[in-house]
Amino acid sequence: MRCPGQDTRYWKPGAIFEAACPQCGFLVEFFKDEAGRVCKNCDRQVLNPTIDLGCAATCQQAQKCLGTLLDDKK
């Protein structure tokens, strides 16, 4: 079974968006469930500024799915 938050059938407008790289300002495209992406302009790892990991608090598979991201967001 796939997590409903990651199932694109349930996504709403705004689930795919752009955010500026904090280092160079280049727009980086994110999908709402991505923790981070690499900026194509400067190669910096850019974290998704809107990621909501609230569902991970009750998910039995959260540690396997998200790894250390849970620790980083606390």
PDB file of N, CA and C in Angstrom:
ATOM      1  N   MET A   1       0.832  -1.181   0.000  1.00  0.00           N
ATOM      2  CA  MET A   1       0.000   0.000   0.000  1.00  0.00           C
ATOM      3  C   MET A   1       0.878   1.247   0.000  1.00  0.00           C
ATOM      4  N   ARG A   2       0.478   2.208  -0.740  1.00  0.00           N
ATOM      5  CA  ARG A   2       1.230   3.444  -0.855  1.00  0.00           C
ATOM      6  C   ARG A   2       0.670   4.498   0.100  1.00  0.00           C
ATOM      7  N   CYS A   3       1.541   5.277   0.699  1.00  0.00           N
ATOM      8  CA  CYS A   3       1.132   6.355   1.598  1.00  0.00           C
ATOM      9  C   CYS A   3       0.255   7.334   0.822  1.00  0.00           C
ATOM     10  N   PRO A   4      -0.936   7.683   1.330  1.00  0.00           N
ATOM     11  CA  PRO A   4      -1.814   8.612   0.602  1.00  0.00           C
ATOM     12  C   PRO A   4      -1.153   9.960   0.322  1.00  0.00           C
ATOM     13  N   GLY A   5      -0.259  10.401   1.171  1.00  0.00           N
ATOM     14  CA  GLY A   5       0.434  11.670   0.941  1.00  0.00           C
ATOM     15  C   GLY A   5       1.390  11.617  -0.228  1.00  0.00           C
ATOM     16  N   GLN A   6       1.818  10.409  -0.601  1.00  0.00           N
ATOM     17  CA  GLN A   6       2.742  10.258  -1.716  1.00  0.00           C
ATOM     18  C   GLN A   6       2.042   9.772  -2.981  1.00  0.00           C
ATOM     19  N   ASP A   7       0.786   9.454  -2.903  1.00  0.00           N
ATOM     20  CA  ASP A   7       0.027   8.969  -4.048  1.00  0.00           C
ATOM     21  C   ASP A   7      -0.462  10.170  -4.854  1.00  0.00           C
ATOM     22  N   THR A   8       0.056  10.335  -6.056  1.00  0.00           N
ATOM     23  CA  THR A   8      -0.246  11.519  -6.872  1.00  0.00           C
ATOM     24  C   THR A   8      -1.720  11.635  -7.241  1.00  0.00           C
ATOM     25  N   ARG A   9      -2.500  10.572  -7.092  1.00  0.00           N
ATOM     26  CA  ARG A   9      -3.940  10.653  -7.375  1.00  0.00           C
ATOM     27  C   ARG A   9      -4.641  11.598  -6.401  1.00  0.00           C
ATOM     28  N   TYR A  10      -4.074  11.796  -5.226  1.00  0.00           N
ATOM     29  CA  TYR A  10      -4.690  12.634  -4.202  1.00  0.00           C
ATOM     30  C   TYR A  10      -4.071  14.035  -4.106  1.00  0.00           C
ATOM     31  N   TRP A  11      -3.104  14.332  -4.957  1.00  0.00           N
ATOM     32  CA  TRP A  11      -2.450  15.633  -4.908  1.00  0.00           C
ATOM     33  C   TRP A  11      -3.363  16.729  -5.422  1.00  0.00           C
ATOM     34  N   LYS A  12      -3.202  17.912  -4.885  1.00  0.00           N
ATOM     35  CA  LYS A  12      -3.975  19.082  -5.275  1.00  0.00           C
ATOM     36  C   LYS A  12      -3.053  20.074  -5.968  1.00  0.00           C
ATOM     37  N   PRO A  13      -3.612  21.110  -6.593  1.00  0.00           N
ATOM     38  CA  PRO A  13      -2.750  22.132  -7.202  1.00  0.00           C
ATOM     39  C   PRO A  13      -1.764  22.679  -6.168  1.00  0.00           C
ATOM     40  N   GLY A  14      -0.566  22.905  -6.590  1.00  0.00           N
ATOM     41  CA  GLY A  14       0.484  23.364  -5.686  1.00  0.00           C
ATOM     42  C   GLY A  14       1.360  22.245  -5.172  1.00  0.00           C
ATOM     43  N   ALA A  15       1.047  20.996  -5.525  1.00  0.00           N
ATOM     44  CA  ALA A  15       1.849  19.860  -5.076  1.00  0.00           C
ATOM     45  C   ALA A  15       3.207  19.831  -5.778  1.00  0.00           C
ATOM     46  N   ILE A  16       3.294  20.500  -6.913  1.00  0.00           N
ATOM     47  CA  ILE A  16       4.558  20.672  -7.626  1.00  0.00           C
ATOM     48  C   ILE A  16       4.803  22.173  -7.667  1.00  0.00           C
ATOM     49  N   PHE A  17       5.954  22.613  -7.175  1.00  0.00           N
ATOM     50  CA  PHE A  17       6.211  24.044  -7.055  1.00  0.00           C
ATOM     51  C   PHE A  17       7.702  24.322  -7.194  1.00  0.00           C
ATOM     52  N   GLU A  18       8.053  25.588  -7.265  1.00  0.00           N
ATOM     53  CA  GLU A  18       9.446  26.001  -7.349  1.00  0.00           C
ATOM     54  C   GLU A  18       9.822  26.805  -6.114  1.00  0.00           C
ATOM     55  N   ALA A  19      11.072  26.665  -5.692  1.00  0.00           N
ATOM     56  CA  ALA A  19      11.615  27.440  -4.584  1.00  0.00           C
ATOM     57  C   ALA A  19      13.017  27.894  -4.973  1.00  0.00           C
ATOM     58  N   ALA A  20      13.393  29.066  -4.530  1.00  0.00           N
ATOM     59  CA  ALA A  20      14.710  29.610  -4.860  1.00  0.00           C
ATOM     60  C   ALA A  20      15.804  28.936  -4.042  1.00  0.00           C
ATOM     61  N   CYS A  21      16.891  28.636  -4.698  1.00  0.00           N
ATOM     62  CA  CYS A  21      18.071  28.097  -4.024  1.00  0.00           C
ATOM     63  C   CYS A  21      18.604  29.187  -3.100  1.00  0.00           C
ATOM     64  N   PRO A  22      18.856  28.864  -1.821  1.00  0.00           N
ATOM     65  CA  PRO A  22      19.344  29.886  -0.899  1.00  0.00           C
ATOM     66  C   PRO A  22      20.761  30.373  -1.223  1.00  0.00           C
ATOM     67  N   GLN A  23      21.500  29.615  -2.027  1.00  0.00           N
ATOM     68  CA  GLN A  23      22.869  30.006  -2.348  1.00  0.00           C
ATOM     69  C   GLN A  23      22.937  30.897  -3.583  1.00  0.00           C
ATOM     70  N   CYS A  24      22.215  30.525  -4.666  1.00  0.00           N
ATOM     71  CA  CYS A  24      22.360  31.276  -5.922  1.00  0.00           C
ATOM     72  C   CYS A  24      21.055  31.881  -6.428  1.00  0.00           C
ATOM     73  N   GLY A  25      19.919  31.513  -5.839  1.00  0.00           N
ATOM     74  CA  GLY A  25      18.643  32.076  -6.258  1.00  0.00           C
ATOM     75  C   GLY A  25      17.975  31.368  -7.424  1.00  0.00           C
ATOM     76  N   PHE A  26      18.619  30.373  -7.999  1.00  0.00           N
ATOM     77  CA  PHE A  26      18.052  29.610  -9.118  1.00  0.00           C
ATOM     78  C   PHE A  26      16.797  28.879  -8.637  1.00  0.00           C
ATOM     79  N   LEU A  27      15.765  28.838  -9.470  1.00  0.00           N
ATOM     80  CA  LEU A  27      14.527  28.160  -9.080  1.00  0.00           C
ATOM     81  C   LEU A  27      14.689  26.648  -9.199  1.00  0.00           C
ATOM     82  N   VAL A  28      14.387  25.960  -8.108  1.00  0.00           N
ATOM     83  CA  VAL A  28      14.477  24.503  -8.030  1.00  0.00           C
ATOM     84  C   VAL A  28      13.059  23.957  -7.945  1.00  0.00           C
ATOM     85  N   GLU A  29      12.725  23.014  -8.831  1.00  0.00           N
ATOM     86  CA  GLU A  29      11.389  22.431  -8.834  1.00  0.00           C
ATOM     87  C   GLU A  29      11.307  21.305  -7.807  1.00  0.00           C
ATOM     88  N   PHE A  30      10.234  21.316  -7.013  1.00  0.00           N
ATOM     89  CA  PHE A  30       9.987  20.291  -6.003  1.00  0.00           C
ATOM     90  C   PHE A  30       8.640  19.635  -6.230  1.00  0.00           C
ATOM     91  N   PHE A  31       8.560  18.359  -5.902  1.00  0.00           N
ATOM     92  CA  PHE A  31       7.300  17.670  -5.714  1.00  0.00           C
ATOM     93  C   PHE A  31       7.071  17.700  -4.209  1.00  0.00           C
ATOM     94  N   LYS A  32       5.839  17.807  -3.755  1.00  0.00           N
ATOM     95  CA  LYS A  32       5.550  18.035  -2.338  1.00  0.00           C
ATOM     96  C   LYS A  32       6.134  16.986  -1.402  1.00  0.00           C
ATOM     97  N   ASP A  33       6.366  15.779  -1.909  1.00  0.00           N
ATOM     98  CA  ASP A  33       6.867  14.718  -1.036  1.00  0.00           C
ATOM     99  C   ASP A  33       8.380  14.553  -1.064  1.00  0.00           C
ATOM    100  N   GLU A  34       9.083  15.415  -1.795  1.00  0.00           N
ATOM    101  CA  GLU A  34      10.538  15.329  -1.860  1.00  0.00           C
ATOM    102  C   GLU A  34      11.166  16.102  -0.708  1.00  0.00           C
ATOM    103  N   ALA A  35      12.125  15.506  -0.053  1.00  0.00           N
ATOM    104  CA  ALA A  35      12.807  16.175   1.058  1.00  0.00           C
ATOM    105  C   ALA A  35      13.779  17.226   0.541  1.00  0.00           C
ATOM    106  N   GLY A  36      14.415  16.960  -0.575  1.00  0.00           N
ATOM    107  CA  GLY A  36      15.386  17.900  -1.115  1.00  0.00           C
ATOM    108  C   GLY A  36      15.774  17.543  -2.530  1.00  0.00           C
ATOM    109  N   ARG A  37      16.376  18.510  -3.192  1.00  0.00           N
ATOM    110  CA  ARG A  37      16.889  18.317  -4.539  1.00  0.00           C
ATOM    111  C   ARG A  37      18.201  19.072  -4.671  1.00  0.00           C
ATOM    112  N   VAL A  38      18.948  18.749  -5.691  1.00  0.00           N
ATOM    113  CA  VAL A  38      20.205  19.441  -5.955  1.00  0.00           C
ATOM    114  C   VAL A  38      19.934  20.563  -6.956  1.00  0.00           C
ATOM    115  N   CYS A  39      20.429  21.751  -6.643  1.00  0.00           N
ATOM    116  CA  CYS A  39      20.287  22.899  -7.541  1.00  0.00           C
ATOM    117  C   CYS A  39      21.097  22.627  -8.801  1.00  0.00           C
ATOM    118  N   LYS A  40      20.468  22.765  -9.948  1.00  0.00           N
ATOM    119  CA  LYS A  40      21.159  22.514 -11.219  1.00  0.00           C
ATOM    120  C   LYS A  40      22.155  23.608 -11.558  1.00  0.00           C
ATOM    121  N   ASN A  41      22.058  24.742 -10.883  1.00  0.00           N
ATOM    122  CA  ASN A  41      22.949  25.856 -11.178  1.00  0.00           C
ATOM    123  C   ASN A  41      24.239  25.812 -10.355  1.00  0.00           C
ATOM    124  N   CYS A  42      24.139  25.491  -9.053  1.00  0.00           N
ATOM    125  CA  CYS A  42      25.323  25.549  -8.188  1.00  0.00           C
ATOM    126  C   CYS A  42      25.639  24.238  -7.471  1.00  0.00           C
ATOM    127  N   ASP A  43      24.845  23.198  -7.698  1.00  0.00           N
ATOM    128  CA  ASP A  43      25.053  21.866  -7.116  1.00  0.00           C
ATOM    129  C   ASP A  43      24.856  21.799  -5.606  1.00  0.00           C
ATOM    130  N   ARG A  44      24.220  22.784  -5.015  1.00  0.00           N
ATOM    131  CA  ARG A  44      23.934  22.755  -3.577  1.00  0.00           C
ATOM    132  C   ARG A  44      22.685  21.912  -3.322  1.00  0.00           C
ATOM    133  N   GLN A  45      22.673  21.159  -2.231  1.00  0.00           N
ATOM    134  CA  GLN A  45      21.488  20.416  -1.803  1.00  0.00           C
ATOM    135  C   GLN A  45      20.511  21.420  -1.213  1.00  0.00           C
ATOM    136  N   VAL A  46      19.297  21.494  -1.775  1.00  0.00           N
ATOM    137  CA  VAL A  46      18.276  22.434  -1.315  1.00  0.00           C
ATOM    138  C   VAL A  46      17.155  21.619  -0.673  1.00  0.00           C
ATOM    139  N   LEU A  47      16.837  21.948   0.577  1.00  0.00           N
ATOM    140  CA  LEU A  47      15.758  21.255   1.280  1.00  0.00           C
ATOM    141  C   LEU A  47      14.417  21.836   0.878  1.00  0.00           C
ATOM    142  N   ASN A  48      13.417  20.980   0.803  1.00  0.00           N
ATOM    143  CA  ASN A  48      12.056  21.401   0.476  1.00  0.00           C
ATOM    144  C   ASN A  48      11.543  22.285   1.617  1.00  0.00           C
ATOM    145  N   PRO A  49      11.239  23.556   1.324  1.00  0.00           N
ATOM    146  CA  PRO A  49      10.826  24.461   2.398  1.00  0.00           C
ATOM    147  C   PRO A  49       9.411  24.203   2.917  1.00  0.00           C
ATOM    148  N   THR A  50       8.624  23.392   2.228  1.00  0.00           N
ATOM    149  CA  THR A  50       7.235  23.183   2.643  1.00  0.00           C
ATOM    150  C   THR A  50       6.938  21.752   3.068  1.00  0.00           C
ATOM    151  N   ILE A  51       7.937  20.902   3.142  1.00  0.00           N
ATOM    152  CA  ILE A  51       7.661  19.495   3.450  1.00  0.00           C
ATOM    153  C   ILE A  51       7.027  19.375   4.839  1.00  0.00           C
ATOM    154  N   ASP A  52       5.995  18.593   4.908  1.00  0.00           N
ATOM    155  CA  ASP A  52       5.270  18.361   6.168  1.00  0.00           C
ATOM    156  C   ASP A  52       5.405  16.888   6.520  1.00  0.00           C
ATOM    157  N   LEU A  53       6.130  16.623   7.564  1.00  0.00           N
ATOM    158  CA  LEU A  53       6.361  15.243   7.978  1.00  0.00           C
ATOM    159  C   LEU A  53       5.468  14.848   9.147  1.00  0.00           C
ATOM    160  N   GLY A  54       4.376  15.574   9.340  1.00  0.00           N
ATOM    161  CA  GLY A  54       3.465  15.302  10.445  1.00  0.00           C
ATOM    162  C   GLY A  54       2.906  13.902  10.430  1.00  0.00           C
ATOM    163  N   CYS A  55       2.654  13.354   9.249  1.00  0.00           N
ATOM    164  CA  CYS A  55       2.097  12.002   9.166  1.00  0.00           C
ATOM    165  C   CYS A  55       3.090  10.954   9.658  1.00  0.00           C
ATOM    166  N   ALA A  56       4.371  11.291   9.673  1.00  0.00           N
ATOM    167  CA  ALA A  56       5.392  10.337  10.087  1.00  0.00           C
ATOM    168  C   ALA A  56       5.299  10.006  11.576  1.00  0.00           C
ATOM    169  N   ALA A  57       4.678  10.873  12.351  1.00  0.00           N
ATOM    170  CA  ALA A  57       4.566  10.632  13.786  1.00  0.00           C
ATOM    171  C   ALA A  57       3.748   9.384  14.096  1.00  0.00           C
ATOM    172  N   THR A  58       2.824   9.020  13.222  1.00  0.00           N
ATOM    173  CA  THR A  58       1.968   7.866  13.476  1.00  0.00           C
ATOM    174  C   THR A  58       2.187   6.715  12.495  1.00  0.00           C
ATOM    175  N   CYS A  59       3.082   6.886  11.557  1.00  0.00           N
ATOM    176  CA  CYS A  59       3.302   5.868  10.524  1.00  0.00           C
ATOM    177  C   CYS A  59       4.327   4.836  10.991  1.00  0.00           C
ATOM    178  N   GLN A  60       3.987   3.571  10.893  1.00  0.00           N
ATOM    179  CA  GLN A  60       4.885   2.491  11.307  1.00  0.00           C
ATOM    180  C   GLN A  60       6.088   2.351  10.382  1.00  0.00           C
ATOM    181  N   GLN A  61       5.983   2.838   9.150  1.00  0.00           N
ATOM    182  CA  GLN A  61       7.066   2.716   8.184  1.00  0.00           C
ATOM    183  C   GLN A  61       7.901   3.991   8.057  1.00  0.00           C
ATOM    184  N   ALA A  62       7.660   4.981   8.903  1.00  0.00           N
ATOM    185  CA  ALA A  62       8.306   6.290   8.767  1.00  0.00           C
ATOM    186  C   ALA A  62       9.829   6.207   8.797  1.00  0.00           C
ATOM    187  N   GLN A  63      10.392   5.475   9.721  1.00  0.00           N
ATOM    188  CA  GLN A  63      11.851   5.409   9.810  1.00  0.00           C
ATOM    189  C   GLN A  63      12.444   4.798   8.549  1.00  0.00           C
ATOM    190  N   LYS A  64      11.796   3.769   8.011  1.00  0.00           N
ATOM    191  CA  LYS A  64      12.272   3.126   6.787  1.00  0.00           C
ATOM    192  C   LYS A  64      12.125   4.060   5.584  1.00  0.00           C
ATOM    193  N   CYS A  65      11.044   4.801   5.549  1.00  0.00           N
ATOM    194  CA  CYS A  65      10.735   5.673   4.422  1.00  0.00           C
ATOM    195  C   CYS A  65      11.549   6.969   4.452  1.00  0.00           C
ATOM    196  N   LEU A  66      11.666   7.586   5.632  1.00  0.00           N
ATOM    197  CA  LEU A  66      12.257   8.915   5.733  1.00  0.00           C
ATOM    198  C   LEU A  66      13.649   8.937   6.342  1.00  0.00           C
ATOM    199  N   GLY A  67      14.054   7.881   7.002  1.00  0.00           N
ATOM    200  CA  GLY A  67      15.395   7.813   7.575  1.00  0.00           C
ATOM    201  C   GLY A  67      15.679   8.926   8.557  1.00  0.00           C
ATOM    202  N   THR A  68      16.811   9.601   8.405  1.00  0.00           N
ATOM    203  CA  THR A  68      17.236  10.639   9.354  1.00  0.00           C
ATOM    204  C   THR A  68      16.496  11.949   9.161  1.00  0.00           C
ATOM    205  N   LEU A  69      15.670  12.087   8.153  1.00  0.00           N
ATOM    206  CA  LEU A  69      14.917  13.330   7.974  1.00  0.00           C
ATOM    207  C   LEU A  69      14.041  13.615   9.174  1.00  0.00           C
ATOM    208  N   LEU A  70      13.544  12.575   9.815  1.00  0.00           N
ATOM    209  CA  LEU A  70      12.714  12.765  11.001  1.00  0.00           C
ATOM    210  C   LEU A  70      13.511  13.456  12.101  1.00  0.00           C
ATOM    211  N   ASP A  71      14.761  13.075  12.290  1.00  0.00           N
ATOM    212  CA  ASP A  71      15.597  13.684  13.313  1.00  0.00           C
ATOM    213  C   ASP A  71      15.922  15.135  12.964  1.00  0.00           C
ATOM    214  N   ASP A  72      16.134  15.425  11.683  1.00  0.00           N
ATOM    215  CA  ASP A  72      16.482  16.760  11.230  1.00  0.00           C
ATOM    216  C   ASP A  72      15.348  17.750  11.398  1.00  0.00           C
ATOM    217  N   LYS A  73      14.113  17.292  11.345  1.00  0.00           N
ATOM    218  CA  LYS A  73      12.944  18.176  11.402  1.00  0.00           C
ATOM    219  C   LYS A  73      12.465  18.443  12.825  1.00  0.00           C
ATOM    220  N   LYS A  74      13.009  17.758  13.829  1.00  0.00           N
ATOM    221  CA  LYS A  74      12.555  17.937  15.222  1.00  0.00           C
ATOM    222  C   LYS A  74      13.069  19.234  15.796  1.00  0.00           C
TER     223      LYS A  74
END
